[in-house]
Amino acid sequence: MSGPIIISCALTGAADSAGANPAVPVTPEEIANEAIAANKAGAAIVHIHVRNPETGKASMDPKLYKEVVDRIRDAGAPVIINLTTGPGARFVPELDNPSQAAATTVMKTAEERVAHVVENKPDICSLDVATMNFGDRPMVNAPDMLNKMATLIQDAGVKPELEVFDTGHVRLANHMVETGVIKDDKPLYQLCLGIPWGAPATAEMMMAMRDMLPANANWASFGISRFEFPMVASAVLLGGHCRVGLEDNLYISRGELASGNAQLVSRAKEIIESMGSEVANEKQAREILGL
């Protein structure tokens, strides 16, 4: 890529990781502080989930999202805010009666899944164009659900980030663009690699998925765990943007826990600059993405 590279930082995620690294932010104040620190370290975008402050587990509470967003905005941070809409798509069948949902199922309506987006109107929100075995958690996003969510998101003036975890997901996302469900002359794709059981985190797979994208698309990619930083380098080489953060990886190096999201962003910045590229600031990122 000849232009500046956008770093996105995924701050906390939904995995049960708060006990695995004490740096994983849990409360709205902690998440907002991590967003501001990541922005100062070089991340133009922050991707936000929220957690129950009492348990550290994933939450969909709109009040928590509002508090995080308000804290970031009240601090005057210029960072681009990207809220998740991933939660609410987990269907786990009972093994002995698979037509019935197990107790761990969490399926929500389109309106419930985007309520915090409509309320807070971030710059961007994720849209998981994916039905897959997300590790041991089946994730179900039917096309009709995705179409309805996309409409609600765009009616609120928010740009969808099309998260794709395999080549078939790219095809569906492309169909949404081609049929006008995604009304964007610069559609934004996030190539999510290394998640069991999606596409592997390799440069070859990133290239294959990149080559399927529309010519007018902006794209970024990330790899989880030990693949986080190799995929930063691969994205730069292949002409994309990148993502790091404690949602995707808890370590700064083998056996050494990251001290926070800012440390991961700083490492990504070092990689980008060592390859002769420039890291995009918030203004440049907005221009690139058409915000």
C-alpha atoms as a PDB file:
ATOM      1  CA  MET A   1       0.000   0.000   0.000  1.00  0.00           C
ATOM      2  CA  SER A   2       1.405   3.376  -1.000  1.00  0.00           C
ATOM      3  CA  GLY A   3      -0.732   5.372   1.441  1.00  0.00           C
ATOM      4  CA  PRO A   4      -0.887   5.438   5.233  1.00  0.00           C
ATOM      5  CA  ILE A   5      -1.769   2.246   7.113  1.00  0.00           C
ATOM      6  CA  ILE A   6      -4.678   2.366   9.569  1.00  0.00           C
ATOM      7  CA  ILE A   7      -4.176   0.571  12.871  1.00  0.00           C
ATOM      8  CA  SER A   8      -7.352  -0.601  14.579  1.00  0.00           C
ATOM      9  CA  CYS A   9      -7.248  -1.791  18.182  1.00  0.00           C
ATOM     10  CA  ALA A  10      -9.727  -4.377  19.496  1.00  0.00           C
ATOM     11  CA  LEU A  11      -9.722  -3.537  23.182  1.00  0.00           C
ATOM     12  CA  THR A  12     -11.346  -6.389  25.099  1.00  0.00           C
ATOM     13  CA  GLY A  13     -13.525  -8.755  23.069  1.00  0.00           C
ATOM     14  CA  ALA A  14     -16.092 -11.222  24.377  1.00  0.00           C
ATOM     15  CA  ALA A  15     -13.922 -14.212  25.271  1.00  0.00           C
ATOM     16  CA  ASP A  16     -13.512 -15.298  28.883  1.00  0.00           C
ATOM     17  CA  SER A  17     -10.032 -13.749  28.976  1.00  0.00           C
ATOM     18  CA  ALA A  18     -10.192 -11.245  31.832  1.00  0.00           C
ATOM     19  CA  GLY A  19      -8.540 -13.733  34.200  1.00  0.00           C
ATOM     20  CA  ALA A  20      -5.833 -14.683  31.718  1.00  0.00           C
ATOM     21  CA  ASN A  21      -4.239 -11.239  31.570  1.00  0.00           C
ATOM     22  CA  PRO A  22      -4.898  -8.557  34.225  1.00  0.00           C
ATOM     23  CA  ALA A  23      -4.507  -5.883  31.537  1.00  0.00           C
ATOM     24  CA  VAL A  24      -7.787  -6.913  29.842  1.00  0.00           C
ATOM     25  CA  PRO A  25     -10.181  -4.014  30.546  1.00  0.00           C
ATOM     26  CA  VAL A  26     -13.504  -4.867  32.158  1.00  0.00           C
ATOM     27  CA  THR A  27     -15.310  -1.772  33.457  1.00  0.00           C
ATOM     28  CA  PRO A  28     -16.496   1.027  31.158  1.00  0.00           C
ATOM     29  CA  GLU A  29     -13.857   3.311  32.676  1.00  0.00           C
ATOM     30  CA  GLU A  30     -11.101   0.778  32.011  1.00  0.00           C
ATOM     31  CA  ILE A  31     -12.269   0.162  28.444  1.00  0.00           C
ATOM     32  CA  ALA A  32     -12.473   3.893  27.706  1.00  0.00           C
ATOM     33  CA  ASN A  33      -9.021   4.488  29.212  1.00  0.00           C
ATOM     34  CA  GLU A  34      -7.597   1.686  27.069  1.00  0.00           C
ATOM     35  CA  ALA A  35      -9.213   3.266  23.997  1.00  0.00           C
ATOM     36  CA  ILE A  36      -7.579   6.602  24.734  1.00  0.00           C
ATOM     37  CA  ALA A  37      -4.194   4.995  25.423  1.00  0.00           C
ATOM     38  CA  ALA A  38      -4.364   2.925  22.232  1.00  0.00           C
ATOM     39  CA  ASN A  39      -5.231   6.051  20.257  1.00  0.00           C
ATOM     40  CA  LYS A  40      -2.253   7.916  21.696  1.00  0.00           C
ATOM     41  CA  ALA A  41      -0.030   4.969  20.759  1.00  0.00           C
ATOM     42  CA  GLY A  42      -1.118   5.146  17.116  1.00  0.00           C
ATOM     43  CA  ALA A  43      -4.492   3.411  16.701  1.00  0.00           C
ATOM     44  CA  ALA A  44      -6.863   5.525  14.623  1.00  0.00           C
ATOM     45  CA  ILE A  45      -9.765   3.111  15.312  1.00  0.00           C
ATOM     46  CA  VAL A  46     -10.851   1.316  18.477  1.00  0.00           C
ATOM     47  CA  HIS A  47     -13.147  -1.706  18.299  1.00  0.00           C
ATOM     48  CA  ILE A  48     -15.308  -2.032  21.397  1.00  0.00           C
ATOM     49  CA  HIS A  49     -17.097  -4.815  23.250  1.00  0.00           C
ATOM     50  CA  VAL A  50     -18.315  -4.365  26.828  1.00  0.00           C
ATOM     51  CA  ARG A  51     -18.177  -6.644  29.875  1.00  0.00           C
ATOM     52  CA  ASN A  52     -20.207  -7.066  33.032  1.00  0.00           C
ATOM     53  CA  PRO A  53     -18.188  -5.053  35.585  1.00  0.00           C
ATOM     54  CA  GLU A  54     -19.033  -7.553  38.342  1.00  0.00           C
ATOM     55  CA  THR A  55     -18.170 -10.795  36.548  1.00  0.00           C
ATOM     56  CA  GLY A  56     -15.841  -9.754  33.730  1.00  0.00           C
ATOM     57  CA  LYS A  57     -17.976 -11.766  31.302  1.00  0.00           C
ATOM     58  CA  ALA A  58     -19.262 -10.472  27.971  1.00  0.00           C
ATOM     59  CA  SER A  59     -22.313  -8.211  28.092  1.00  0.00           C
ATOM     60  CA  MET A  60     -24.797  -6.659  25.670  1.00  0.00           C
ATOM     61  CA  ASP A  61     -26.009  -3.981  28.120  1.00  0.00           C
ATOM     62  CA  PRO A  62     -26.593  -0.751  26.125  1.00  0.00           C
ATOM     63  CA  LYS A  63     -25.913   1.323  29.262  1.00  0.00           C
ATOM     64  CA  LEU A  64     -22.356  -0.004  29.392  1.00  0.00           C
ATOM     65  CA  TYR A  65     -21.773   0.883  25.740  1.00  0.00           C
ATOM     66  CA  LYS A  66     -23.121   4.379  26.328  1.00  0.00           C
ATOM     67  CA  GLU A  67     -20.814   4.916  29.284  1.00  0.00           C
ATOM     68  CA  VAL A  68     -17.752   3.794  27.303  1.00  0.00           C
ATOM     69  CA  VAL A  69     -18.618   5.966  24.298  1.00  0.00           C
ATOM     70  CA  ASP A  70     -19.464   8.988  26.466  1.00  0.00           C
ATOM     71  CA  ARG A  71     -16.180   8.680  28.364  1.00  0.00           C
ATOM     72  CA  ILE A  72     -14.153   8.581  25.133  1.00  0.00           C
ATOM     73  CA  ARG A  73     -16.020  11.530  23.630  1.00  0.00           C
ATOM     74  CA  ASP A  74     -15.983  13.561  26.839  1.00  0.00           C
ATOM     75  CA  ALA A  75     -12.205  13.121  26.998  1.00  0.00           C
ATOM     76  CA  GLY A  76     -11.927  14.727  23.555  1.00  0.00           C
ATOM     77  CA  ALA A  77     -10.161  11.707  22.050  1.00  0.00           C
ATOM     78  CA  PRO A  78     -10.236  11.975  18.236  1.00  0.00           C
ATOM     79  CA  VAL A  79     -10.246   8.203  17.777  1.00  0.00           C
ATOM     80  CA  ILE A  80     -12.711   6.551  15.372  1.00  0.00           C
ATOM     81  CA  ILE A  81     -15.184   4.484  17.407  1.00  0.00           C
ATOM     82  CA  ASN A  82     -16.156   1.023  16.131  1.00  0.00           C
ATOM     83  CA  LEU A  83     -18.787  -0.849  18.183  1.00  0.00           C
ATOM     84  CA  THR A  84     -19.360  -4.571  17.823  1.00  0.00           C
ATOM     85  CA  THR A  85     -22.682  -6.122  16.821  1.00  0.00           C
ATOM     86  CA  GLY A  86     -21.396  -9.681  17.094  1.00  0.00           C
ATOM     87  CA  PRO A  87     -23.110 -10.772  20.345  1.00  0.00           C
ATOM     88  CA  GLY A  88     -26.553 -12.291  20.061  1.00  0.00           C
ATOM     89  CA  ALA A  89     -25.751 -14.864  17.349  1.00  0.00           C
ATOM     90  CA  ARG A  90     -24.794 -17.944  19.363  1.00  0.00           C
ATOM     91  CA  PHE A  91     -26.975 -21.005  18.792  1.00  0.00           C
ATOM     92  CA  VAL A  92     -26.017 -24.183  20.628  1.00  0.00           C
ATOM     93  CA  PRO A  93     -28.331 -27.158  20.000  1.00  0.00           C
ATOM     94  CA  GLU A  94     -29.154 -29.721  22.657  1.00  0.00           C
ATOM     95  CA  LEU A  95     -27.248 -32.853  21.638  1.00  0.00           C
ATOM     96  CA  ASP A  96     -30.150 -35.180  22.391  1.00  0.00           C
ATOM     97  CA  ASN A  97     -32.742 -32.853  20.874  1.00  0.00           C
ATOM     98  CA  PRO A  98     -30.954 -30.639  18.347  1.00  0.00           C
ATOM     99  CA  SER A  99     -34.090 -28.729  17.375  1.00  0.00           C
ATOM    100  CA  GLN A 100     -34.022 -27.243  20.894  1.00  0.00           C
ATOM    101  CA  ALA A 101     -31.581 -24.580  22.017  1.00  0.00           C
ATOM    102  CA  ALA A 102     -29.233 -25.377  24.870  1.00  0.00           C
ATOM    103  CA  ALA A 103     -29.002 -23.049  27.863  1.00  0.00           C
ATOM    104  CA  THR A 104     -25.853 -21.429  26.466  1.00  0.00           C
ATOM    105  CA  THR A 105     -27.700 -20.193  23.367  1.00  0.00           C
ATOM    106  CA  VAL A 106     -27.920 -16.398  23.026  1.00  0.00           C
ATOM    107  CA  MET A 107     -29.951 -15.420  19.971  1.00  0.00           C
ATOM    108  CA  LYS A 108     -31.252 -11.846  19.708  1.00  0.00           C
ATOM    109  CA  THR A 109     -33.255  -9.860  17.169  1.00  0.00           C
ATOM    110  CA  ALA A 110     -31.633  -7.460  14.744  1.00  0.00           C
ATOM    111  CA  GLU A 111     -33.021  -4.538  16.740  1.00  0.00           C
ATOM    112  CA  GLU A 112     -31.520  -5.881  19.974  1.00  0.00           C
ATOM    113  CA  ARG A 113     -28.130  -6.503  18.383  1.00  0.00           C
ATOM    114  CA  VAL A 114     -27.794  -2.966  17.038  1.00  0.00           C
ATOM    115  CA  ALA A 115     -29.629  -1.005  19.764  1.00  0.00           C
ATOM    116  CA  HIS A 116     -26.367   0.413  21.163  1.00  0.00           C
ATOM    117  CA  VAL A 117     -25.269   1.411  17.662  1.00  0.00           C
ATOM    118  CA  VAL A 118     -28.498   3.262  16.918  1.00  0.00           C
ATOM    119  CA  GLU A 119     -28.287   5.010  20.300  1.00  0.00           C
ATOM    120  CA  ASN A 120     -24.613   6.013  20.265  1.00  0.00           C
ATOM    121  CA  LYS A 121     -24.064   6.457  16.510  1.00  0.00           C
ATOM    122  CA  PRO A 122     -20.389   5.494  16.360  1.00  0.00           C
ATOM    123  CA  ASP A 123     -18.390   6.065  13.197  1.00  0.00           C
ATOM    124  CA  ILE A 124     -18.284   2.341  12.392  1.00  0.00           C
ATOM    125  CA  CYS A 125     -19.720  -0.917  13.680  1.00  0.00           C
ATOM    126  CA  SER A 126     -18.813  -4.481  12.869  1.00  0.00           C
ATOM    127  CA  LEU A 127     -21.183  -6.770  10.980  1.00  0.00           C
ATOM    128  CA  ASP A 128     -20.212 -10.447  11.140  1.00  0.00           C
ATOM    129  CA  VAL A 129     -21.073 -11.790   7.686  1.00  0.00           C
ATOM    130  CA  ALA A 130     -20.567 -15.301   8.979  1.00  0.00           C
ATOM    131  CA  THR A 131     -22.266 -18.484  10.054  1.00  0.00           C
ATOM    132  CA  MET A 132     -19.618 -20.846  11.375  1.00  0.00           C
ATOM    133  CA  ASN A 133     -18.256 -22.909  14.228  1.00  0.00           C
ATOM    134  CA  PHE A 134     -16.506 -20.111  16.108  1.00  0.00           C
ATOM    135  CA  GLY A 135     -14.298 -22.454  18.091  1.00  0.00           C
ATOM    136  CA  ASP A 136     -16.781 -24.355  20.274  1.00  0.00           C
ATOM    137  CA  ARG A 137     -19.467 -21.651  19.875  1.00  0.00           C
ATOM    138  CA  PRO A 138     -21.689 -22.001  16.800  1.00  0.00           C
ATOM    139  CA  MET A 139     -22.312 -18.530  15.360  1.00  0.00           C
ATOM    140  CA  VAL A 140     -25.432 -18.072  13.233  1.00  0.00           C
ATOM    141  CA  ASN A 141     -25.977 -15.009  11.061  1.00  0.00           C
ATOM    142  CA  ALA A 142     -28.673 -15.756   8.479  1.00  0.00           C
ATOM    143  CA  PRO A 143     -28.743 -13.540   5.360  1.00  0.00           C
ATOM    144  CA  ASP A 144     -32.131 -12.023   6.255  1.00  0.00           C
ATOM    145  CA  MET A 145     -30.811 -11.111   9.712  1.00  0.00           C
ATOM    146  CA  LEU A 146     -27.698  -9.542   8.205  1.00  0.00           C
ATOM    147  CA  ASN A 147     -29.752  -7.557   5.696  1.00  0.00           C
ATOM    148  CA  LYS A 148     -31.983  -6.177   8.442  1.00  0.00           C
ATOM    149  CA  MET A 149     -29.030  -5.316  10.670  1.00  0.00           C
ATOM    150  CA  ALA A 150     -27.253  -3.615   7.765  1.00  0.00           C
ATOM    151  CA  THR A 151     -30.337  -1.488   7.070  1.00  0.00           C
ATOM    152  CA  LEU A 152     -30.715  -0.428  10.708  1.00  0.00           C
ATOM    153  CA  ILE A 153     -27.002   0.367  10.965  1.00  0.00           C
ATOM    154  CA  GLN A 154     -26.908   2.493   7.819  1.00  0.00           C
ATOM    155  CA  ASP A 155     -30.177   4.253   8.633  1.00  0.00           C
ATOM    156  CA  ALA A 156     -28.432   5.404  11.825  1.00  0.00           C
ATOM    157  CA  GLY A 157     -25.635   6.926   9.718  1.00  0.00           C
ATOM    158  CA  VAL A 158     -23.056   4.326  10.719  1.00  0.00           C
ATOM    159  CA  LYS A 159     -20.601   2.593   8.385  1.00  0.00           C
ATOM    160  CA  PRO A 160     -20.690  -1.234   8.512  1.00  0.00           C
ATOM    161  CA  GLU A 161     -17.385  -3.072   8.791  1.00  0.00           C
ATOM    162  CA  LEU A 162     -17.953  -6.402   7.049  1.00  0.00           C
ATOM    163  CA  GLU A 163     -16.184  -9.012   9.160  1.00  0.00           C
ATOM    164  CA  VAL A 164     -15.458 -12.161   7.154  1.00  0.00           C
ATOM    165  CA  PHE A 165     -13.848 -15.309   8.547  1.00  0.00           C
ATOM    166  CA  ASP A 166     -13.621 -17.447   5.406  1.00  0.00           C
ATOM    167  CA  THR A 167     -13.958 -17.248   1.632  1.00  0.00           C
ATOM    168  CA  GLY A 168     -17.683 -18.049   1.596  1.00  0.00           C
ATOM    169  CA  HIS A 169     -18.268 -15.128   3.935  1.00  0.00           C
ATOM    170  CA  VAL A 170     -16.491 -12.845   1.443  1.00  0.00           C
ATOM    171  CA  ARG A 171     -18.847 -14.059  -1.272  1.00  0.00           C
ATOM    172  CA  LEU A 172     -21.907 -13.267   0.860  1.00  0.00           C
ATOM    173  CA  ALA A 173     -20.533  -9.842   1.815  1.00  0.00           C
ATOM    174  CA  ASN A 174     -19.842  -9.129  -1.857  1.00  0.00           C
ATOM    175  CA  HIS A 175     -23.438 -10.110  -2.673  1.00  0.00           C
ATOM    176  CA  MET A 176     -24.687  -7.640  -0.053  1.00  0.00           C
ATOM    177  CA  VAL A 177     -22.603  -4.922  -1.737  1.00  0.00           C
ATOM    178  CA  GLU A 178     -23.645  -5.904  -5.264  1.00  0.00           C
ATOM    179  CA  THR A 179     -27.368  -5.962  -4.421  1.00  0.00           C
ATOM    180  CA  GLY A 180     -27.273  -2.602  -2.646  1.00  0.00           C
ATOM    181  CA  VAL A 181     -27.892  -3.875   0.869  1.00  0.00           C
ATOM    182  CA  ILE A 182     -24.544  -2.256   1.709  1.00  0.00           C
ATOM    183  CA  LYS A 183     -24.908   1.267   0.363  1.00  0.00           C
ATOM    184  CA  ASP A 184     -21.287   2.360   0.431  1.00  0.00           C
ATOM    185  CA  ASP A 185     -18.986   3.444  -2.367  1.00  0.00           C
ATOM    186  CA  LYS A 186     -16.032   2.430  -0.163  1.00  0.00           C
ATOM    187  CA  PRO A 187     -17.175  -0.785   1.546  1.00  0.00           C
ATOM    188  CA  LEU A 188     -14.960  -1.790   4.456  1.00  0.00           C
ATOM    189  CA  TYR A 189     -13.974  -5.428   4.956  1.00  0.00           C
ATOM    190  CA  GLN A 190     -12.146  -6.989   7.909  1.00  0.00           C
ATOM    191  CA  LEU A 191     -10.447 -10.307   7.083  1.00  0.00           C
ATOM    192  CA  CYS A 192     -10.481 -12.258  10.364  1.00  0.00           C
ATOM    193  CA  LEU A 193      -7.875 -15.032  10.332  1.00  0.00           C
ATOM    194  CA  GLY A 194      -6.821 -17.826  12.631  1.00  0.00           C
ATOM    195  CA  ILE A 195     -10.126 -18.215  14.482  1.00  0.00           C
ATOM    196  CA  PRO A 196     -11.096 -21.877  14.934  1.00  0.00           C
ATOM    197  CA  TRP A 197     -12.689 -23.003  12.628  1.00  0.00           C
ATOM    198  CA  GLY A 198     -12.376 -20.292  10.024  1.00  0.00           C
ATOM    199  CA  ALA A 199      -9.682 -19.407   7.540  1.00  0.00           C
ATOM    200  CA  PRO A 200      -6.094 -19.965   8.737  1.00  0.00           C
ATOM    201  CA  ALA A 201      -3.812 -17.031   9.540  1.00  0.00           C
ATOM    202  CA  THR A 202      -1.456 -17.200   6.583  1.00  0.00           C
ATOM    203  CA  ALA A 203      -0.320 -14.671   4.013  1.00  0.00           C
ATOM    204  CA  GLU A 204      -1.619 -16.987   1.290  1.00  0.00           C
ATOM    205  CA  MET A 205      -5.129 -17.014   2.743  1.00  0.00           C
ATOM    206  CA  MET A 206      -5.085 -13.256   3.281  1.00  0.00           C
ATOM    207  CA  MET A 207      -4.098 -12.803  -0.365  1.00  0.00           C
ATOM    208  CA  ALA A 208      -6.815 -15.174  -1.569  1.00  0.00           C
ATOM    209  CA  MET A 209      -9.500 -13.323   0.383  1.00  0.00           C
ATOM    210  CA  ARG A 210      -8.129  -9.928  -0.676  1.00  0.00           C
ATOM    211  CA  ASP A 211      -8.316 -10.978  -4.321  1.00  0.00           C
ATOM    212  CA  MET A 212     -12.051 -11.691  -3.922  1.00  0.00           C
ATOM    213  CA  LEU A 213     -12.904  -8.166  -2.755  1.00  0.00           C
ATOM    214  CA  PRO A 214     -14.554  -5.473  -4.885  1.00  0.00           C
ATOM    215  CA  ALA A 215     -12.125  -3.094  -6.560  1.00  0.00           C
ATOM    216  CA  ASN A 216     -13.452  -0.125  -4.562  1.00  0.00           C
ATOM    217  CA  ALA A 217     -13.187  -1.845  -1.173  1.00  0.00           C
ATOM    218  CA  ASN A 218     -11.027  -0.824   1.756  1.00  0.00           C
ATOM    219  CA  TRP A 219      -9.797  -3.781   3.763  1.00  0.00           C
ATOM    220  CA  ALA A 220      -7.920  -4.672   6.900  1.00  0.00           C
ATOM    221  CA  SER A 221      -6.926  -7.979   8.414  1.00  0.00           C
ATOM    222  CA  PHE A 222      -5.802  -9.532  11.661  1.00  0.00           C
ATOM    223  CA  GLY A 223      -4.591 -12.836  13.049  1.00  0.00           C
ATOM    224  CA  ILE A 224      -5.215 -14.057  16.564  1.00  0.00           C
ATOM    225  CA  SER A 225      -2.755 -15.210  19.228  1.00  0.00           C
ATOM    226  CA  ARG A 226       0.806 -15.768  17.994  1.00  0.00           C
ATOM    227  CA  PHE A 227      -0.243 -14.806  14.464  1.00  0.00           C
ATOM    228  CA  GLU A 228      -1.143 -11.238  15.412  1.00  0.00           C
ATOM    229  CA  PHE A 229       2.112  -9.539  14.435  1.00  0.00           C
ATOM    230  CA  PRO A 230       2.941 -11.727  11.392  1.00  0.00           C
ATOM    231  CA  MET A 231      -0.477 -10.788   9.998  1.00  0.00           C
ATOM    232  CA  VAL A 232       0.266  -7.085  10.577  1.00  0.00           C
ATOM    233  CA  ALA A 233       3.304  -7.467   8.321  1.00  0.00           C
ATOM    234  CA  SER A 234       1.331  -9.502   5.785  1.00  0.00           C
ATOM    235  CA  ALA A 235      -1.433  -6.892   5.606  1.00  0.00           C
ATOM    236  CA  VAL A 236       1.089  -4.128   4.957  1.00  0.00           C
ATOM    237  CA  LEU A 237       2.789  -6.171   2.210  1.00  0.00           C
ATOM    238  CA  LEU A 238      -0.541  -7.020   0.571  1.00  0.00           C
ATOM    239  CA  GLY A 239      -1.922  -3.479   0.583  1.00  0.00           C
ATOM    240  CA  GLY A 240      -4.304  -3.536   3.532  1.00  0.00           C
ATOM    241  CA  HIS A 241      -4.740  -2.076   6.978  1.00  0.00           C
ATOM    242  CA  CYS A 242      -4.304  -3.961  10.242  1.00  0.00           C
ATOM    243  CA  ARG A 243      -5.757  -4.705  13.660  1.00  0.00           C
ATOM    244  CA  VAL A 244      -4.211  -5.656  16.987  1.00  0.00           C
ATOM    245  CA  GLY A 245      -5.447  -5.654  20.581  1.00  0.00           C
ATOM    246  CA  LEU A 246      -6.193  -7.717  23.656  1.00  0.00           C
ATOM    247  CA  GLU A 247      -9.340  -9.126  22.051  1.00  0.00           C
ATOM    248  CA  ASP A 248      -7.128 -11.003  19.610  1.00  0.00           C
ATOM    249  CA  ASN A 249      -3.928 -11.687  21.542  1.00  0.00           C
ATOM    250  CA  LEU A 250      -2.867 -11.414  25.197  1.00  0.00           C
ATOM    251  CA  TYR A 251       0.904 -11.518  24.661  1.00  0.00           C
ATOM    252  CA  ILE A 252       3.567  -9.083  23.462  1.00  0.00           C
ATOM    253  CA  SER A 253       6.042 -11.921  22.906  1.00  0.00           C
ATOM    254  CA  ARG A 254       6.255 -15.635  23.618  1.00  0.00           C
ATOM    255  CA  GLY A 255       5.462 -16.192  27.292  1.00  0.00           C
ATOM    256  CA  GLU A 256       5.242 -12.454  28.080  1.00  0.00           C
ATOM    257  CA  LEU A 257       1.818 -10.958  28.706  1.00  0.00           C
ATOM    258  CA  ALA A 258       1.099  -7.600  27.095  1.00  0.00           C
ATOM    259  CA  SER A 259       0.897  -4.714  29.549  1.00  0.00           C
ATOM    260  CA  GLY A 260      -2.054  -3.221  27.694  1.00  0.00           C
ATOM    261  CA  ASN A 261      -3.502  -2.416  24.295  1.00  0.00           C
ATOM    262  CA  ALA A 262      -1.125   0.507  23.811  1.00  0.00           C
ATOM    263  CA  GLN A 263       1.868  -1.835  23.905  1.00  0.00           C
ATOM    264  CA  LEU A 264       0.368  -3.983  21.144  1.00  0.00           C
ATOM    265  CA  VAL A 265      -0.406  -0.896  19.056  1.00  0.00           C
ATOM    266  CA  SER A 266       3.144   0.392  19.549  1.00  0.00           C
ATOM    267  CA  ARG A 267       4.554  -2.925  18.298  1.00  0.00           C
ATOM    268  CA  ALA A 268       2.301  -2.796  15.228  1.00  0.00           C
ATOM    269  CA  LYS A 269       3.454   0.755  14.559  1.00  0.00           C
ATOM    270  CA  GLU A 270       7.084  -0.356  14.786  1.00  0.00           C
ATOM    271  CA  ILE A 271       6.428  -3.128  12.261  1.00  0.00           C
ATOM    272  CA  ILE A 272       4.670  -0.784   9.828  1.00  0.00           C
ATOM    273  CA  GLU A 273       7.359   1.875  10.015  1.00  0.00           C
ATOM    274  CA  SER A 274      10.169  -0.673   9.764  1.00  0.00           C
ATOM    275  CA  MET A 275       8.636  -1.746   6.441  1.00  0.00           C
ATOM    276  CA  GLY A 276       8.839   1.817   5.133  1.00  0.00           C
ATOM    277  CA  SER A 277       5.164   2.662   5.529  1.00  0.00           C
ATOM    278  CA  GLU A 278       3.388   5.428   7.434  1.00  0.00           C
ATOM    279  CA  VAL A 279       0.779   4.984  10.164  1.00  0.00           C
ATOM    280  CA  ALA A 280      -2.456   6.851   9.453  1.00  0.00           C
ATOM    281  CA  ASN A 281      -3.686   9.444  11.914  1.00  0.00           C
ATOM    282  CA  GLU A 282      -7.397   9.881  12.596  1.00  0.00           C
ATOM    283  CA  LYS A 283      -7.903  12.518   9.890  1.00  0.00           C
ATOM    284  CA  GLN A 284      -6.170  10.399   7.271  1.00  0.00           C
ATOM    285  CA  ALA A 285      -8.152   7.321   8.347  1.00  0.00           C
ATOM    286  CA  ARG A 286     -11.435   9.197   7.981  1.00  0.00           C
ATOM    287  CA  GLU A 287     -10.460  10.281   4.465  1.00  0.00           C
ATOM    288  CA  ILE A 288      -9.412   6.758   3.472  1.00  0.00           C
ATOM    289  CA  LEU A 289     -12.611   5.201   4.784  1.00  0.00           C
ATOM    290  CA  GLY A 290     -14.932   7.916   3.492  1.00  0.00           C
ATOM    291  CA  LEU A 291     -16.257   8.823   6.922  1.00  0.00           C
END
